Amino acid sequence: MSSETLERIARNKNVARAAARQLSMEQLHKLAEVIGEVIEQKKDEEIQRQEEEAEKARKLAEIREQITEAGLSLDDLVTEQPTRKRGRPPKNGSKS
């Protein structure tokens, strides 16, 4: 089953019902079990992602606080701004 078909089923209850009519009760229960497991896995992944973002934000705030306490600014940490090359690169790389 393609992802497009799954998306159609997920978006429209009547399409889902029509697809479910083709399955036996045993298959429907198995499908519900599998979908439940997938939902739990996605929840766990989302919780982990949020925890990682919170940890990253905490570390960033800590570093900013340390910079401020030391009497520094971000300009003090970055000595030179990166230079950008202007214009387009040559079409024929190494022709003389």
C-alpha atoms as a PDB file:
ATOM      1  CA  MET A   1       0.000   0.000   0.000  1.00  0.00           C
ATOM      2  CA  SER A   2       1.442   3.348  -0.986  1.00  0.00           C
ATOM      3  CA  SER A   3       1.830   6.302   1.330  1.00  0.00           C
ATOM      4  CA  GLU A   4      -0.679   8.195  -0.829  1.00  0.00           C
ATOM      5  CA  THR A   5      -3.290   5.510  -0.153  1.00  0.00           C
ATOM      6  CA  LEU A   6      -2.574   5.647   3.575  1.00  0.00           C
ATOM      7  CA  GLU A   7      -2.890   9.427   3.525  1.00  0.00           C
ATOM      8  CA  ARG A   8      -6.270   9.196   1.752  1.00  0.00           C
ATOM      9  CA  ILE A   9      -7.482   6.685   4.327  1.00  0.00           C
ATOM     10  CA  ALA A  10      -6.255   8.856   7.202  1.00  0.00           C
ATOM     11  CA  ARG A  11      -7.901  12.002   5.826  1.00  0.00           C
ATOM     12  CA  ASN A  12     -11.326  10.576   5.002  1.00  0.00           C
ATOM     13  CA  LYS A  13     -13.425   8.410   7.294  1.00  0.00           C
ATOM     14  CA  ASN A  14     -15.531   7.017   4.424  1.00  0.00           C
ATOM     15  CA  VAL A  15     -12.405   5.922   2.545  1.00  0.00           C
ATOM     16  CA  ALA A  16     -11.169   4.258   5.746  1.00  0.00           C
ATOM     17  CA  ARG A  17     -14.484   2.441   6.172  1.00  0.00           C
ATOM     18  CA  ALA A  18     -14.396   1.214   2.577  1.00  0.00           C
ATOM     19  CA  ALA A  19     -10.857  -0.088   3.049  1.00  0.00           C
ATOM     20  CA  ALA A  20     -11.839  -1.725   6.360  1.00  0.00           C
ATOM     21  CA  ARG A  21     -14.703  -3.624   4.701  1.00  0.00           C
ATOM     22  CA  GLN A  22     -12.122  -5.613   2.755  1.00  0.00           C
ATOM     23  CA  LEU A  23     -10.484  -6.891   5.960  1.00  0.00           C
ATOM     24  CA  SER A  24     -11.604  -9.556   8.398  1.00  0.00           C
ATOM     25  CA  MET A  25     -12.175  -8.769  12.084  1.00  0.00           C
ATOM     26  CA  GLU A  26      -8.898 -10.488  12.929  1.00  0.00           C
ATOM     27  CA  GLN A  27      -7.048  -8.350  10.384  1.00  0.00           C
ATOM     28  CA  LEU A  28      -8.727  -5.181  11.685  1.00  0.00           C
ATOM     29  CA  HIS A  29      -7.689  -5.981  15.263  1.00  0.00           C
ATOM     30  CA  LYS A  30      -4.135  -6.678  14.110  1.00  0.00           C
ATOM     31  CA  LEU A  31      -4.118  -3.393  12.156  1.00  0.00           C
ATOM     32  CA  ALA A  32      -5.387  -1.497  15.210  1.00  0.00           C
ATOM     33  CA  GLU A  33      -2.634  -3.099  17.313  1.00  0.00           C
ATOM     34  CA  VAL A  34       0.073  -2.179  14.813  1.00  0.00           C
ATOM     35  CA  ILE A  35      -1.217   1.382  14.472  1.00  0.00           C
ATOM     36  CA  GLY A  36      -1.289   1.694  18.265  1.00  0.00           C
ATOM     37  CA  GLU A  37       2.357   0.600  18.436  1.00  0.00           C
ATOM     38  CA  VAL A  38       3.316   3.084  15.726  1.00  0.00           C
ATOM     39  CA  ILE A  39       1.515   5.890  17.565  1.00  0.00           C
ATOM     40  CA  GLU A  40       3.323   5.042  20.815  1.00  0.00           C
ATOM     41  CA  GLN A  41       6.665   4.963  18.999  1.00  0.00           C
ATOM     42  CA  LYS A  42       5.996   8.375  17.425  1.00  0.00           C
ATOM     43  CA  LYS A  43       4.988   9.787  20.828  1.00  0.00           C
ATOM     44  CA  ASP A  44       8.221   8.493  22.366  1.00  0.00           C
ATOM     45  CA  GLU A  45      10.272   9.984  19.529  1.00  0.00           C
ATOM     46  CA  GLU A  46       8.517  13.340  19.925  1.00  0.00           C
ATOM     47  CA  ILE A  47       9.086  13.353  23.691  1.00  0.00           C
ATOM     48  CA  GLN A  48      12.768  12.526  23.158  1.00  0.00           C
ATOM     49  CA  ARG A  49      13.102  15.296  20.555  1.00  0.00           C
ATOM     50  CA  GLN A  50      11.493  17.816  22.909  1.00  0.00           C
ATOM     51  CA  GLU A  51      13.783  16.760  25.758  1.00  0.00           C
ATOM     52  CA  GLU A  52      16.832  17.156  23.514  1.00  0.00           C
ATOM     53  CA  GLU A  53      15.676  20.632  22.440  1.00  0.00           C
ATOM     54  CA  ALA A  54      15.099  21.634  26.070  1.00  0.00           C
ATOM     55  CA  GLU A  55      18.569  20.391  27.030  1.00  0.00           C
ATOM     56  CA  LYS A  56      20.103  22.302  24.128  1.00  0.00           C
ATOM     57  CA  ALA A  57      18.257  25.485  25.142  1.00  0.00           C
ATOM     58  CA  ARG A  58      19.375  25.018  28.761  1.00  0.00           C
ATOM     59  CA  LYS A  59      23.014  24.619  27.700  1.00  0.00           C
ATOM     60  CA  LEU A  60      22.777  27.656  25.424  1.00  0.00           C
ATOM     61  CA  ALA A  61      21.345  29.794  28.245  1.00  0.00           C
ATOM     62  CA  GLU A  62      24.103  28.563  30.539  1.00  0.00           C
ATOM     63  CA  ILE A  63      26.797  29.488  28.023  1.00  0.00           C
ATOM     64  CA  ARG A  64      25.253  32.925  27.448  1.00  0.00           C
ATOM     65  CA  GLU A  65      25.189  33.497  31.200  1.00  0.00           C
ATOM     66  CA  GLN A  66      28.851  32.504  31.491  1.00  0.00           C
ATOM     67  CA  ILE A  67      29.767  34.854  28.638  1.00  0.00           C
ATOM     68  CA  THR A  68      27.925  37.718  30.338  1.00  0.00           C
ATOM     69  CA  GLU A  69      29.486  36.955  33.725  1.00  0.00           C
ATOM     70  CA  ALA A  70      32.918  37.026  32.121  1.00  0.00           C
ATOM     71  CA  GLY A  71      32.187  40.481  30.688  1.00  0.00           C
ATOM     72  CA  LEU A  72      32.385  39.266  27.102  1.00  0.00           C
ATOM     73  CA  SER A  73      30.150  39.593  24.078  1.00  0.00           C
ATOM     74  CA  LEU A  74      29.748  37.430  21.023  1.00  0.00           C
ATOM     75  CA  ASP A  75      31.854  39.933  19.055  1.00  0.00           C
ATOM     76  CA  ASP A  76      34.740  39.159  21.407  1.00  0.00           C
ATOM     77  CA  LEU A  77      34.495  35.474  20.534  1.00  0.00           C
ATOM     78  CA  VAL A  78      34.378  35.926  16.765  1.00  0.00           C
ATOM     79  CA  THR A  79      37.536  37.762  15.756  1.00  0.00           C
ATOM     80  CA  GLU A  80      36.930  38.011  12.023  1.00  0.00           C
ATOM     81  CA  GLN A  81      33.712  37.916  10.097  1.00  0.00           C
ATOM     82  CA  PRO A  82      33.773  35.356   7.277  1.00  0.00           C
ATOM     83  CA  THR A  83      34.269  36.928   3.881  1.00  0.00           C
ATOM     84  CA  ARG A  84      31.965  36.083   1.037  1.00  0.00           C
ATOM     85  CA  LYS A  85      33.146  35.717  -2.499  1.00  0.00           C
ATOM     86  CA  ARG A  86      31.209  37.892  -4.862  1.00  0.00           C
ATOM     87  CA  GLY A  87      30.150  37.006  -8.349  1.00  0.00           C
ATOM     88  CA  ARG A  88      29.652  33.720 -10.064  1.00  0.00           C
ATOM     89  CA  PRO A  89      32.252  30.997 -10.375  1.00  0.00           C
ATOM     90  CA  PRO A  90      33.718  30.550 -13.841  1.00  0.00           C
ATOM     91  CA  LYS A  91      31.821  28.150 -16.109  1.00  0.00           C
ATOM     92  CA  ASN A  92      34.942  26.395 -17.361  1.00  0.00           C
ATOM     93  CA  GLY A  93      36.852  25.645 -14.184  1.00  0.00           C
ATOM     94  CA  SER A  94      40.547  25.468 -15.094  1.00  0.00           C
ATOM     95  CA  LYS A  95      40.793  26.948 -18.596  1.00  0.00           C
ATOM     96  CA  SER A  96      43.695  29.396 -19.065  1.00  0.00           C
END
